Amino acid sequence: MPLTHHPLVKEFPEYKAEIHALKSSNNYFHHLMERYEAIDKQIYRIQSGEEPTSDDYVNRLRKERLHIKDELRQIIIENK
């Protein structure tokens, strides 16, 4: 399986304008998005072999990324 990043605008292309607006107007959304992107980059580094770690750790990171993505999506929908 090829390695890919999961940027929020790629995950939710239909909300691109809303994501941009919220990122610049909502500090909490901005903070969550930064955390999401940092976790996504870390997962990518682990999967590419740049940052060795345990399977348990990478699975926890994936779950955290998913939880944050769900929260971000909820904020987007509530502010649409």
N, C-alpha and C. Protein backbone atom coordinates (compact mmCIF):
# COMPACT_ATOMS: atom_id res chain seq x y z
N MET A 1 0.85 -1.18 0.00
CA MET A 1 0.00 0.00 0.00
C MET A 1 0.90 1.24 0.00
N PRO A 2 0.65 2.18 -0.93
CA PRO A 2 1.50 3.36 -0.99
C PRO A 2 1.28 4.27 0.22
N LEU A 3 2.34 4.93 0.62
CA LEU A 3 2.25 5.86 1.74
C LEU A 3 1.66 7.18 1.25
N THR A 4 0.75 7.71 2.02
CA THR A 4 0.15 9.00 1.67
C THR A 4 -0.10 9.80 2.94
N HIS A 5 -0.10 11.10 2.76
CA HIS A 5 -0.53 11.99 3.84
C HIS A 5 -2.04 12.12 3.75
N HIS A 6 -2.64 12.55 4.82
CA HIS A 6 -4.10 12.70 4.87
C HIS A 6 -4.47 14.12 5.27
N PRO A 7 -4.13 15.12 4.43
CA PRO A 7 -4.50 16.49 4.79
C PRO A 7 -6.02 16.63 4.87
N LEU A 8 -6.44 17.50 5.74
CA LEU A 8 -7.87 17.67 5.99
C LEU A 8 -8.63 18.06 4.72
N VAL A 9 -8.07 18.92 3.90
CA VAL A 9 -8.78 19.32 2.68
C VAL A 9 -8.87 18.17 1.68
N LYS A 10 -7.98 17.20 1.78
CA LYS A 10 -8.08 16.01 0.93
C LYS A 10 -9.13 15.05 1.50
N GLU A 11 -9.23 15.00 2.81
CA GLU A 11 -10.22 14.14 3.45
C GLU A 11 -11.64 14.68 3.26
N PHE A 12 -11.78 16.00 3.26
CA PHE A 12 -13.09 16.65 3.11
C PHE A 12 -13.04 17.72 2.02
N PRO A 13 -12.85 17.33 0.77
CA PRO A 13 -12.72 18.34 -0.30
C PRO A 13 -13.96 19.21 -0.46
N GLU A 14 -15.11 18.68 -0.08
CA GLU A 14 -16.35 19.45 -0.21
C GLU A 14 -16.43 20.60 0.79
N TYR A 15 -15.57 20.61 1.79
CA TYR A 15 -15.56 21.65 2.82
C TYR A 15 -14.30 22.51 2.76
N LYS A 16 -13.66 22.57 1.61
CA LYS A 16 -12.39 23.30 1.49
C LYS A 16 -12.52 24.76 1.94
N ALA A 17 -13.55 25.45 1.48
CA ALA A 17 -13.75 26.86 1.85
C ALA A 17 -14.00 27.00 3.34
N GLU A 18 -14.81 26.12 3.89
CA GLU A 18 -15.12 26.18 5.31
C GLU A 18 -13.88 25.91 6.17
N ILE A 19 -13.06 24.96 5.74
CA ILE A 19 -11.84 24.65 6.47
C ILE A 19 -10.92 25.87 6.50
N HIS A 20 -10.75 26.50 5.36
CA HIS A 20 -9.90 27.69 5.28
C HIS A 20 -10.43 28.80 6.19
N ALA A 21 -11.73 29.03 6.14
CA ALA A 21 -12.34 30.09 6.95
C ALA A 21 -12.19 29.80 8.44
N LEU A 22 -12.48 28.56 8.84
CA LEU A 22 -12.38 28.20 10.25
C LEU A 22 -10.94 28.24 10.75
N LYS A 23 -10.02 27.85 9.91
CA LYS A 23 -8.61 27.84 10.31
C LYS A 23 -8.14 29.25 10.66
N SER A 24 -8.66 30.25 9.97
CA SER A 24 -8.23 31.61 10.24
C SER A 24 -9.11 32.34 11.26
N SER A 25 -10.28 31.82 11.55
CA SER A 25 -11.18 32.54 12.46
C SER A 25 -11.46 31.83 13.79
N ASN A 26 -11.12 30.57 13.90
CA ASN A 26 -11.46 29.79 15.09
C ASN A 26 -10.17 29.20 15.67
N ASN A 27 -9.73 29.75 16.79
CA ASN A 27 -8.47 29.30 17.39
C ASN A 27 -8.49 27.82 17.77
N TYR A 28 -9.60 27.35 18.30
CA TYR A 28 -9.68 25.94 18.69
C TYR A 28 -9.57 25.04 17.46
N PHE A 29 -10.27 25.38 16.40
CA PHE A 29 -10.20 24.61 15.15
C PHE A 29 -8.77 24.63 14.62
N HIS A 30 -8.15 25.79 14.63
CA HIS A 30 -6.77 25.93 14.15
C HIS A 30 -5.83 25.04 14.94
N HIS A 31 -5.98 25.04 16.26
CA HIS A 31 -5.13 24.21 17.12
C HIS A 31 -5.35 22.72 16.82
N LEU A 32 -6.61 22.30 16.69
CA LEU A 32 -6.91 20.90 16.37
C LEU A 32 -6.34 20.50 15.01
N MET A 33 -6.45 21.40 14.07
CA MET A 33 -5.94 21.10 12.74
C MET A 33 -4.42 20.96 12.75
N GLU A 34 -3.74 21.80 13.51
CA GLU A 34 -2.29 21.67 13.63
C GLU A 34 -1.92 20.34 14.28
N ARG A 35 -2.66 19.93 15.29
CA ARG A 35 -2.40 18.65 15.95
C ARG A 35 -2.65 17.49 14.98
N TYR A 36 -3.74 17.57 14.23
CA TYR A 36 -4.06 16.55 13.23
C TYR A 36 -2.92 16.42 12.22
N GLU A 37 -2.45 17.55 11.71
CA GLU A 37 -1.38 17.53 10.71
C GLU A 37 -0.08 16.98 11.29
N ALA A 38 0.23 17.33 12.54
CA ALA A 38 1.45 16.83 13.18
C ALA A 38 1.39 15.31 13.35
N ILE A 39 0.26 14.81 13.77
CA ILE A 39 0.10 13.36 13.94
C ILE A 39 0.18 12.67 12.58
N ASP A 40 -0.45 13.26 11.58
CA ASP A 40 -0.41 12.68 10.24
C ASP A 40 1.03 12.58 9.73
N LYS A 41 1.81 13.62 9.94
CA LYS A 41 3.22 13.60 9.51
C LYS A 41 4.01 12.56 10.28
N GLN A 42 3.73 12.43 11.58
CA GLN A 42 4.45 11.44 12.38
C GLN A 42 4.10 10.03 11.91
N ILE A 43 2.85 9.76 11.63
CA ILE A 43 2.43 8.45 11.13
C ILE A 43 3.13 8.16 9.81
N TYR A 44 3.20 9.15 8.94
CA TYR A 44 3.87 8.98 7.65
C TYR A 44 5.35 8.61 7.86
N ARG A 45 6.02 9.32 8.76
CA ARG A 45 7.44 9.02 9.04
C ARG A 45 7.61 7.61 9.58
N ILE A 46 6.71 7.19 10.43
CA ILE A 46 6.78 5.83 10.99
C ILE A 46 6.59 4.80 9.89
N GLN A 47 5.57 5.01 9.06
CA GLN A 47 5.27 4.05 8.00
C GLN A 47 6.38 3.99 6.95
N SER A 48 7.09 5.09 6.76
CA SER A 48 8.16 5.11 5.77
C SER A 48 9.47 4.54 6.33
N GLY A 49 9.49 4.24 7.63
CA GLY A 49 10.68 3.68 8.24
C GLY A 49 11.64 4.71 8.79
N GLU A 50 11.32 6.00 8.65
CA GLU A 50 12.18 7.07 9.16
C GLU A 50 12.20 7.12 10.69
N GLU A 51 11.10 6.69 11.29
CA GLU A 51 10.93 6.81 12.75
C GLU A 51 10.41 5.48 13.28
N PRO A 52 11.30 4.55 13.59
CA PRO A 52 10.85 3.25 14.07
C PRO A 52 10.12 3.34 15.42
N THR A 53 9.11 2.52 15.57
CA THR A 53 8.35 2.48 16.82
C THR A 53 7.54 1.20 16.86
N SER A 54 6.78 1.02 17.91
CA SER A 54 5.97 -0.19 18.05
C SER A 54 4.65 -0.04 17.30
N ASP A 55 4.06 -1.18 16.96
CA ASP A 55 2.75 -1.17 16.31
C ASP A 55 1.69 -0.56 17.22
N ASP A 56 1.80 -0.82 18.52
CA ASP A 56 0.84 -0.26 19.46
C ASP A 56 0.84 1.26 19.41
N TYR A 57 2.02 1.84 19.35
CA TYR A 57 2.13 3.29 19.34
C TYR A 57 1.53 3.88 18.07
N VAL A 58 1.86 3.32 16.93
CA VAL A 58 1.32 3.85 15.67
C VAL A 58 -0.20 3.66 15.62
N ASN A 59 -0.70 2.59 16.18
CA ASN A 59 -2.15 2.39 16.23
C ASN A 59 -2.82 3.42 17.12
N ARG A 60 -2.19 3.77 18.24
CA ARG A 60 -2.73 4.84 19.11
C ARG A 60 -2.74 6.17 18.36
N LEU A 61 -1.67 6.44 17.60
CA LEU A 61 -1.63 7.68 16.81
C LEU A 61 -2.75 7.70 15.77
N ARG A 62 -2.98 6.59 15.12
CA ARG A 62 -4.06 6.52 14.12
C ARG A 62 -5.42 6.78 14.75
N LYS A 63 -5.63 6.20 15.92
CA LYS A 63 -6.91 6.42 16.62
C LYS A 63 -7.06 7.88 17.02
N GLU A 64 -5.96 8.49 17.49
CA GLU A 64 -6.03 9.90 17.87
C GLU A 64 -6.30 10.77 16.65
N ARG A 65 -5.64 10.47 15.52
CA ARG A 65 -5.87 11.22 14.29
C ARG A 65 -7.33 11.11 13.87
N LEU A 66 -7.89 9.92 13.94
CA LEU A 66 -9.29 9.70 13.58
C LEU A 66 -10.23 10.48 14.50
N HIS A 67 -9.94 10.45 15.79
CA HIS A 67 -10.77 11.18 16.76
C HIS A 67 -10.73 12.68 16.46
N ILE A 68 -9.55 13.22 16.19
CA ILE A 68 -9.43 14.64 15.89
C ILE A 68 -10.15 14.96 14.58
N LYS A 69 -9.99 14.09 13.59
CA LYS A 69 -10.67 14.32 12.30
C LYS A 69 -12.18 14.37 12.49
N ASP A 70 -12.71 13.47 13.31
CA ASP A 70 -14.15 13.48 13.59
C ASP A 70 -14.58 14.78 14.27
N GLU A 71 -13.77 15.25 15.20
CA GLU A 71 -14.09 16.50 15.90
C GLU A 71 -14.02 17.69 14.94
N LEU A 72 -13.01 17.71 14.09
CA LEU A 72 -12.89 18.77 13.11
C LEU A 72 -14.10 18.78 12.17
N ARG A 73 -14.49 17.61 11.71
CA ARG A 73 -15.65 17.51 10.82
C ARG A 73 -16.91 18.03 11.51
N GLN A 74 -17.08 17.69 12.76
CA GLN A 74 -18.24 18.17 13.51
C GLN A 74 -18.26 19.69 13.60
N ILE A 75 -17.10 20.29 13.85
CA ILE A 75 -17.01 21.75 13.91
C ILE A 75 -17.36 22.36 12.56
N ILE A 76 -16.85 21.76 11.50
CA ILE A 76 -17.14 22.25 10.14
C ILE A 76 -18.63 22.23 9.88
N ILE A 77 -19.27 21.12 10.18
CA ILE A 77 -20.70 20.97 9.93
C ILE A 77 -21.51 21.95 10.77
N GLU A 78 -21.13 22.13 12.02
CA GLU A 78 -21.86 23.06 12.90
C GLU A 78 -21.72 24.50 12.45
N ASN A 79 -20.63 24.84 11.75
CA ASN A 79 -20.39 26.21 11.34
C ASN A 79 -20.71 26.47 9.87
N LYS A 80 -21.31 25.51 9.23
CA LYS A 80 -21.62 25.64 7.81
C LYS A 80 -22.84 26.50 7.61
